[in-house]
Structures are given as C-alpha cells and as structure tokens.
C-alpha cells in the first residue's frame, strides 16, 4: 500500500483567507497544493485533497475528511499575513507540538523552502488550530511566505515550481529518512533515464575515460540535489567542492542536478553516499 497524504489548500469559497492588493490567499494555496500533489503522485504517493476547486469547507470538516480517509499525513498549505504590509517576510511551519515525525517533516520543508530563497522563520507550536488538533495523523501547516510582503510575493510568483518542488522534497525526504518509502529517487528526477546527469550525452559525466563501463554495465553516481533554478545548483556544487567532494552540475529534463562522482560499482557509490550523509547532505544513488 502506498503512503497517503491529504493535501489541504487553505481557505476557499466564501473564505478568501488573507487578502492583499486584490490577491487572495485561497487562490495561491490551491495552485500550490495542486502542484505539490502532482509531484508527490509522480513518486508513488497516494494524494488526497480537501479541495481541488474554489469551495469552502470548515477546518473541522477538513480534519474529519482526513481521518475518515485514513490518510497517513495531513499537510495544509497557507500564506501568512501581518497587520502591516511589508513588515515581515519568510516561511514557517506549524505543528501541534514539537515532537515526532511531524516536527522532522516541518523542519525539512522549511529547510527546502529556505534553499529557494525564503527566510526560514522556523517551526512553531499551534495546538489550538483545528486541522492540527483534530487530525489523527501527523499534521503540518505550511505558511508559504507572507501574502502582504512584496518580497515574498515576487519570490512566490517567480519561483512557483521551485516552491512546489521544495515542499514535496521536504515531505519525501522525511519519508525516506524514516524508511517509509524507498530512497531510490528524488522529486523531479524523471525515471533515472540512462542519459540523466550527463552534460555531453556520452555517459561519462566529465570523466572522459570510463567508456568501458558504458557498454552493458551500470554506473552509479550520488545525487545531492535537483533544482529547477540553476542558481541553487551552482550554490550546492560550490559548497561541495569547498569540502573536496568532486561535484558536478548537469542539466536534463528541465532540472539542474548536482552529482558527486561516477562509480563502476554500487559499493563505491554507497561509500561516497555515506561520506556525504555524514557531512549533512541528503542524497540518493542513481544508476545509469
């Protein structure tokens, strides 16, 4: 049975949520929620939605829907707001209390969103929120930037796909780290096609002399990140190189992938993956 996640687009229908200069929270949350769901579904997650159109349901109704469906996790997507426009900016995630896998997932989502460019405001306890208190499964409410911050709105609009990918990565990373799903791919990684990660299409990824492994024998590399924005890939590659990891960046299928090494055996790739994990990186071994 695949893991199931109930995605909740905050507000809806007669409840617009926060409003700023004609912009309504309910519209941003619905678009983002559907984009996140598409990524998760592509990675074998059974995705359920509290809404896919502009309709209203109370927070209690949404919590009950998740409970009745037997979802394994509940993720609610919102935009934040402050009393005075352009006073605050950043992302934060809310949980019932700071414990268990929900806290880990909230922290992972925040860290991924920080890599997109948001200020990370951390994880907060909100035991009074109905969708966190009434749900029977681990639940996280994500505030994807302030809707009355021009800075956050520009980031939201210009990096929409990256934001959806970041939230999906935070969810999937948590499931993988806890052994709940196989750690065999990352969001946006396509199908690990034979040409993925090869800047020149030859299969050598900068090695230039490993052709003996390209005929009928798999090669392995360790992927440390996949981004739709090349700036983030460049940043990660530079960080890895500074620590003497032989990182390279390649582009395929609309993504910039940062990988470390090319190995003829799985054992060698596993050794490199362990080194990277000890250094604090979330990785996946990719075969070619």
Protein backbone atom coordinates (compact mmCIF):
# COMPACT_ATOMS: atom_id res chain seq x y z
CA UNK A 1 0.00 0.00 0.00
CA UNK A 2 1.44 3.41 -0.95
CA UNK A 3 1.64 6.11 1.67
CA UNK A 4 -1.28 8.53 1.52
CA UNK A 5 -1.10 12.24 2.16
CA UNK A 6 -4.09 14.54 2.48
CA UNK A 7 -3.19 17.92 0.99
CA UNK A 8 -5.26 20.85 2.14
CA UNK A 9 -5.40 24.10 0.20
CA UNK A 10 -6.16 26.61 2.92
CA UNK A 11 -9.42 28.58 2.87
CA UNK A 12 -11.62 28.57 -0.27
CA UNK A 13 -15.05 29.59 -1.48
CA UNK A 14 -16.56 32.30 0.68
CA UNK A 15 -13.41 32.35 2.80
CA UNK A 16 -10.65 34.09 0.80
CA UNK A 17 -8.12 33.94 3.61
CA UNK A 18 -5.70 36.86 3.74
CA UNK A 19 -6.11 39.47 1.00
CA UNK A 20 -3.54 41.97 -0.25
CA UNK A 21 -3.93 44.32 -3.22
CA UNK A 22 -6.62 42.07 -4.68
CA UNK A 23 -4.54 38.95 -4.19
CA UNK A 24 -6.39 36.21 -2.28
CA UNK A 25 -4.73 33.53 -0.19
CA UNK A 26 -7.23 30.87 -1.29
CA UNK A 27 -6.04 31.17 -4.91
CA UNK A 28 -2.34 30.90 -4.09
CA UNK A 29 -2.87 27.92 -1.80
CA UNK A 30 -4.97 26.00 -4.32
CA UNK A 31 -2.48 26.45 -7.14
CA UNK A 32 0.45 25.47 -4.93
CA UNK A 33 -1.34 22.49 -3.39
CA UNK A 34 -2.21 21.03 -6.80
CA UNK A 35 1.38 21.47 -7.98
CA UNK A 36 2.73 19.72 -4.87
CA UNK A 37 0.24 16.89 -5.31
CA UNK A 38 1.31 16.30 -8.89
CA UNK A 39 4.94 15.88 -7.81
CA UNK A 40 4.06 13.54 -4.96
CA UNK A 41 1.83 11.41 -7.17
CA UNK A 42 4.70 11.08 -9.61
CA UNK A 43 6.68 9.45 -6.83
CA UNK A 44 4.16 6.84 -5.83
CA UNK A 45 2.37 8.73 -3.06
CA UNK A 46 -1.40 8.36 -2.83
CA UNK A 47 -2.50 12.00 -2.76
CA UNK A 48 -5.90 13.10 -1.46
CA UNK A 49 -7.21 16.66 -1.47
CA UNK A 50 -9.61 18.54 0.77
CA UNK A 51 -10.44 20.64 -2.27
CA UNK A 52 -9.42 20.94 -5.90
CA UNK A 53 -11.72 23.84 -6.74
CA UNK A 54 -12.80 27.09 -5.13
CA UNK A 55 -15.14 25.67 -2.49
CA UNK A 56 -15.44 26.22 1.24
CA UNK A 57 -15.14 23.60 3.95
CA UNK A 58 -14.57 24.34 7.60
CA UNK A 59 -11.24 23.33 9.20
CA UNK A 60 -13.17 20.74 11.22
CA UNK A 61 -14.66 19.22 8.06
CA UNK A 62 -11.19 19.01 6.52
CA UNK A 63 -9.78 17.25 9.58
CA UNK A 64 -12.66 14.78 9.58
CA UNK A 65 -12.15 14.06 5.88
CA UNK A 66 -8.54 13.18 6.53
CA UNK A 67 -9.47 10.96 9.46
CA UNK A 68 -12.19 9.14 7.54
CA UNK A 69 -9.87 8.59 4.59
CA UNK A 70 -7.24 7.09 6.87
CA UNK A 71 -4.52 9.34 5.47
CA UNK A 72 -1.02 8.82 6.83
CA UNK A 73 -0.16 12.54 6.87
CA UNK A 74 -2.02 15.84 6.64
CA UNK A 75 -0.32 18.85 5.03
CA UNK A 76 -2.15 22.20 4.96
CA UNK A 77 -0.85 24.95 2.67
CA UNK A 78 -1.34 28.61 3.58
CA UNK A 79 0.11 32.09 3.06
CA UNK A 80 0.96 34.18 6.10
CA UNK A 81 -0.09 37.77 6.78
CA UNK A 82 0.90 40.56 9.16
CA UNK A 83 -1.07 43.57 10.47
CA UNK A 84 1.11 45.99 8.49
CA UNK A 85 2.15 45.21 4.89
CA UNK A 86 5.83 44.64 4.12
CA UNK A 87 6.77 44.32 7.77
CA UNK A 88 7.63 40.60 7.86
CA UNK A 89 8.72 38.02 5.32
CA UNK A 90 9.65 34.37 5.35
CA UNK A 91 8.24 30.86 5.72
CA UNK A 92 7.25 28.99 8.83
CA UNK A 93 5.55 25.70 9.55
CA UNK A 94 3.10 24.99 12.36
CA UNK A 95 2.62 21.75 14.29
CA UNK A 96 0.50 20.67 17.24
CA UNK A 97 3.65 20.15 19.30
CA UNK A 98 7.33 19.84 18.60
CA UNK A 99 7.67 16.08 18.63
CA UNK A 100 7.84 13.11 16.33
CA UNK A 101 7.91 12.82 12.59
CA UNK A 102 5.67 15.86 12.07
CA UNK A 103 8.37 18.10 13.55
CA UNK A 104 11.01 16.49 11.36
CA UNK A 105 8.83 16.97 8.28
CA UNK A 106 8.12 20.60 9.16
CA UNK A 107 11.83 21.30 9.60
CA UNK A 108 12.69 19.58 6.32
CA UNK A 109 10.05 21.57 4.44
CA UNK A 110 11.33 24.83 5.92
CA UNK A 111 14.92 24.00 5.00
CA UNK A 112 13.95 23.20 1.43
CA UNK A 113 12.00 26.46 1.15
CA UNK A 114 14.96 28.33 2.58
CA UNK A 115 17.07 26.99 -0.29
CA UNK A 116 14.60 28.62 -2.70
CA UNK A 117 15.31 32.00 -1.11
CA UNK A 118 12.79 32.42 1.71
CA UNK A 119 13.78 33.48 5.19
CA UNK A 120 13.32 30.46 7.49
CA UNK A 121 11.23 31.57 10.46
CA UNK A 122 11.26 28.10 12.00
CA UNK A 123 8.65 25.70 13.31
CA UNK A 124 6.01 26.90 15.79
CA UNK A 125 3.60 25.03 18.06
CA UNK A 126 -0.08 25.81 17.44
CA UNK A 127 -2.13 23.28 19.47
CA UNK A 128 -5.28 25.37 19.09
CA UNK A 129 -5.54 25.04 15.30
CA UNK A 130 -8.32 22.62 14.39
CA UNK A 131 -6.51 20.99 11.46
CA UNK A 132 -3.58 20.22 13.77
CA UNK A 133 -5.59 19.30 16.85
CA UNK A 134 -8.39 17.22 15.31
CA UNK A 135 -6.40 15.21 12.78
CA UNK A 136 -5.44 11.73 13.94
CA UNK A 137 -2.32 11.57 11.79
CA UNK A 138 0.86 13.70 11.85
CA UNK A 139 -0.10 17.13 10.54
CA UNK A 140 1.87 20.16 9.36
CA UNK A 141 0.59 23.58 8.32
CA UNK A 142 2.97 25.40 5.95
CA UNK A 143 2.92 29.20 5.70
CA UNK A 144 4.49 29.75 2.27
CA UNK A 145 5.57 33.36 2.72
CA UNK A 146 3.62 36.48 3.64
CA UNK A 147 0.91 37.45 1.18
CA UNK A 148 1.27 41.11 2.19
CA UNK A 149 5.02 41.11 1.60
CA UNK A 150 6.01 42.29 -1.88
CA UNK A 151 9.31 40.45 -1.48
CA UNK A 152 7.64 37.15 -0.68
CA UNK A 153 5.06 37.56 -3.44
CA UNK A 154 7.77 38.17 -6.01
CA UNK A 155 9.59 35.09 -4.79
CA UNK A 156 6.34 33.08 -4.83
CA UNK A 157 5.49 34.10 -8.39
CA UNK A 158 8.97 33.89 -9.90
CA UNK A 159 9.86 30.57 -8.27
CA UNK A 160 6.48 28.86 -8.07
CA UNK A 161 7.64 25.50 -9.43
CA UNK A 162 10.71 25.53 -7.19
CA UNK A 163 8.50 26.17 -4.16
CA UNK A 164 6.19 23.27 -5.01
CA UNK A 165 9.22 21.05 -5.54
CA UNK A 166 10.80 22.19 -2.27
CA UNK A 167 7.71 21.29 -0.23
CA UNK A 168 7.42 17.93 -2.00
CA UNK A 169 11.12 17.27 -1.36
CA UNK A 170 10.69 18.07 2.33
CA UNK A 171 7.86 15.54 2.56
CA UNK A 172 9.61 12.82 0.57
CA UNK A 173 12.93 13.33 2.35
CA UNK A 174 11.20 12.76 5.67
CA UNK A 175 9.54 9.58 4.48
CA UNK A 176 12.82 8.31 3.07
CA UNK A 177 14.81 9.17 6.20
CA UNK A 178 12.35 7.14 8.27
CA UNK A 179 12.36 4.18 5.93
CA UNK A 180 8.72 4.67 4.96
CA UNK A 181 9.43 4.80 1.23
CA UNK A 182 12.38 3.59 -0.78
CA UNK A 183 15.24 6.03 -1.11
CA UNK A 184 15.64 5.49 -4.81
CA UNK A 185 14.77 8.80 -6.42
CA UNK A 186 14.16 12.46 -5.77
CA UNK A 187 11.38 14.81 -6.88
CA UNK A 188 11.74 15.87 -10.48
CA UNK A 189 14.31 13.16 -11.24
CA UNK A 190 12.23 11.69 -14.03
CA UNK A 191 12.84 7.98 -14.42
CA UNK A 192 16.60 7.98 -13.87
CA UNK A 193 17.00 7.78 -17.62
CA UNK A 194 20.31 6.45 -18.92
CA UNK A 195 21.29 9.93 -20.10
CA UNK A 196 20.33 11.78 -16.90
CA UNK A 197 23.15 13.74 -15.34
CA UNK A 198 25.37 13.57 -18.43
CA UNK A 199 26.29 17.03 -19.70
CA UNK A 200 27.64 15.71 -23.00
CA UNK A 201 25.29 12.76 -23.52
CA UNK A 202 28.21 10.32 -23.54
CA UNK A 203 27.60 8.75 -20.15
CA UNK A 204 30.96 9.86 -18.77
CA UNK A 205 29.88 12.99 -16.86
CA UNK A 206 33.20 14.70 -17.17
CA UNK A 207 35.37 11.62 -16.58
CA UNK A 208 36.32 11.29 -20.22
CA UNK A 209 37.77 7.80 -19.91
CA UNK A 210 35.20 5.48 -18.37
CA UNK A 211 33.70 4.19 -21.60
CA UNK A 212 34.46 0.62 -20.59
CA UNK A 213 31.58 0.82 -18.13
CA UNK A 214 29.05 2.26 -20.57
CA UNK A 215 28.51 -0.91 -22.59
CA UNK A 216 26.08 -3.18 -20.75
CA UNK A 217 27.36 -2.37 -17.25
CA UNK A 218 25.67 0.09 -14.92
CA UNK A 219 27.47 3.08 -13.49
CA UNK A 220 26.48 4.87 -10.33
CA UNK A 221 26.61 8.43 -9.11
CA UNK A 222 25.43 10.09 -5.92
CA UNK A 223 22.94 12.87 -6.44
CA UNK A 224 22.99 15.59 -3.82
CA UNK A 225 20.30 17.85 -5.26
CA UNK A 226 17.95 18.53 -8.17
CA UNK A 227 16.72 22.05 -8.83
CA UNK A 228 14.68 23.91 -11.39
CA UNK A 229 16.75 27.03 -10.71
CA UNK A 230 20.39 26.73 -11.72
CA UNK A 231 21.46 29.24 -9.09
CA UNK A 232 20.67 26.80 -6.31
CA UNK A 233 22.54 24.01 -8.07
CA UNK A 234 25.60 26.24 -8.51
CA UNK A 235 25.48 27.14 -4.84
CA UNK A 236 25.37 23.50 -3.77
CA UNK A 237 28.12 22.49 -6.18
CA UNK A 238 30.40 25.24 -4.86
CA UNK A 239 29.71 24.21 -1.28
CA UNK A 240 30.55 20.57 -2.05
CA UNK A 241 33.72 21.45 -3.94
CA UNK A 242 34.91 23.52 -1.00
CA UNK A 243 34.73 20.31 1.04
CA UNK A 244 36.69 18.38 -1.60
CA UNK A 245 33.71 16.45 -2.93
CA UNK A 246 34.06 16.08 -6.75
CA UNK A 247 30.69 17.65 -7.52
CA UNK A 248 29.43 18.50 -10.99
CA UNK A 249 26.23 20.11 -12.23
CA UNK A 250 24.36 18.87 -15.28
CA UNK A 251 21.05 19.79 -16.87
CA UNK A 252 18.37 17.50 -18.27
CA UNK A 253 14.59 17.23 -18.24
CA UNK A 254 14.32 20.84 -17.09
CA UNK A 255 16.36 20.22 -13.92
CA UNK A 256 19.85 21.08 -12.75
CA UNK A 257 21.30 18.07 -10.98
CA UNK A 258 24.29 18.15 -8.65
CA UNK A 259 26.05 14.79 -8.51
CA UNK A 260 29.23 13.54 -6.91
CA UNK A 261 31.47 11.04 -8.66
CA UNK A 262 30.92 8.27 -11.18
CA UNK A 263 31.44 4.77 -9.84
CA UNK A 264 31.64 1.36 -11.56
CA UNK A 265 30.26 -0.47 -8.53
CA UNK A 266 27.39 0.11 -6.15
CA UNK A 267 29.67 -0.39 -3.13
CA UNK A 268 31.84 2.56 -4.17
CA UNK A 269 28.77 4.74 -4.62
CA UNK A 270 27.49 3.69 -1.20
CA UNK A 271 30.81 4.70 0.36
CA UNK A 272 30.53 8.17 -1.16
CA UNK A 273 26.90 8.45 -0.11
CA UNK A 274 27.89 7.68 3.48
CA UNK A 275 30.54 10.40 3.38
CA UNK A 276 28.01 12.91 2.09
CA UNK A 277 25.40 11.92 4.66
CA UNK A 278 27.96 12.30 7.46
CA UNK A 279 28.60 15.79 6.10
CA UNK A 280 24.89 16.55 6.44
CA UNK A 281 23.66 16.13 2.86
CA UNK A 282 20.52 14.31 1.78
CA UNK A 283 21.45 12.08 -1.12
CA UNK A 284 20.26 9.40 -3.49
CA UNK A 285 22.25 6.89 -5.54
CA UNK A 286 21.38 6.98 -9.23
CA UNK A 287 22.24 4.17 -11.63
CA UNK A 288 22.86 4.74 -15.31
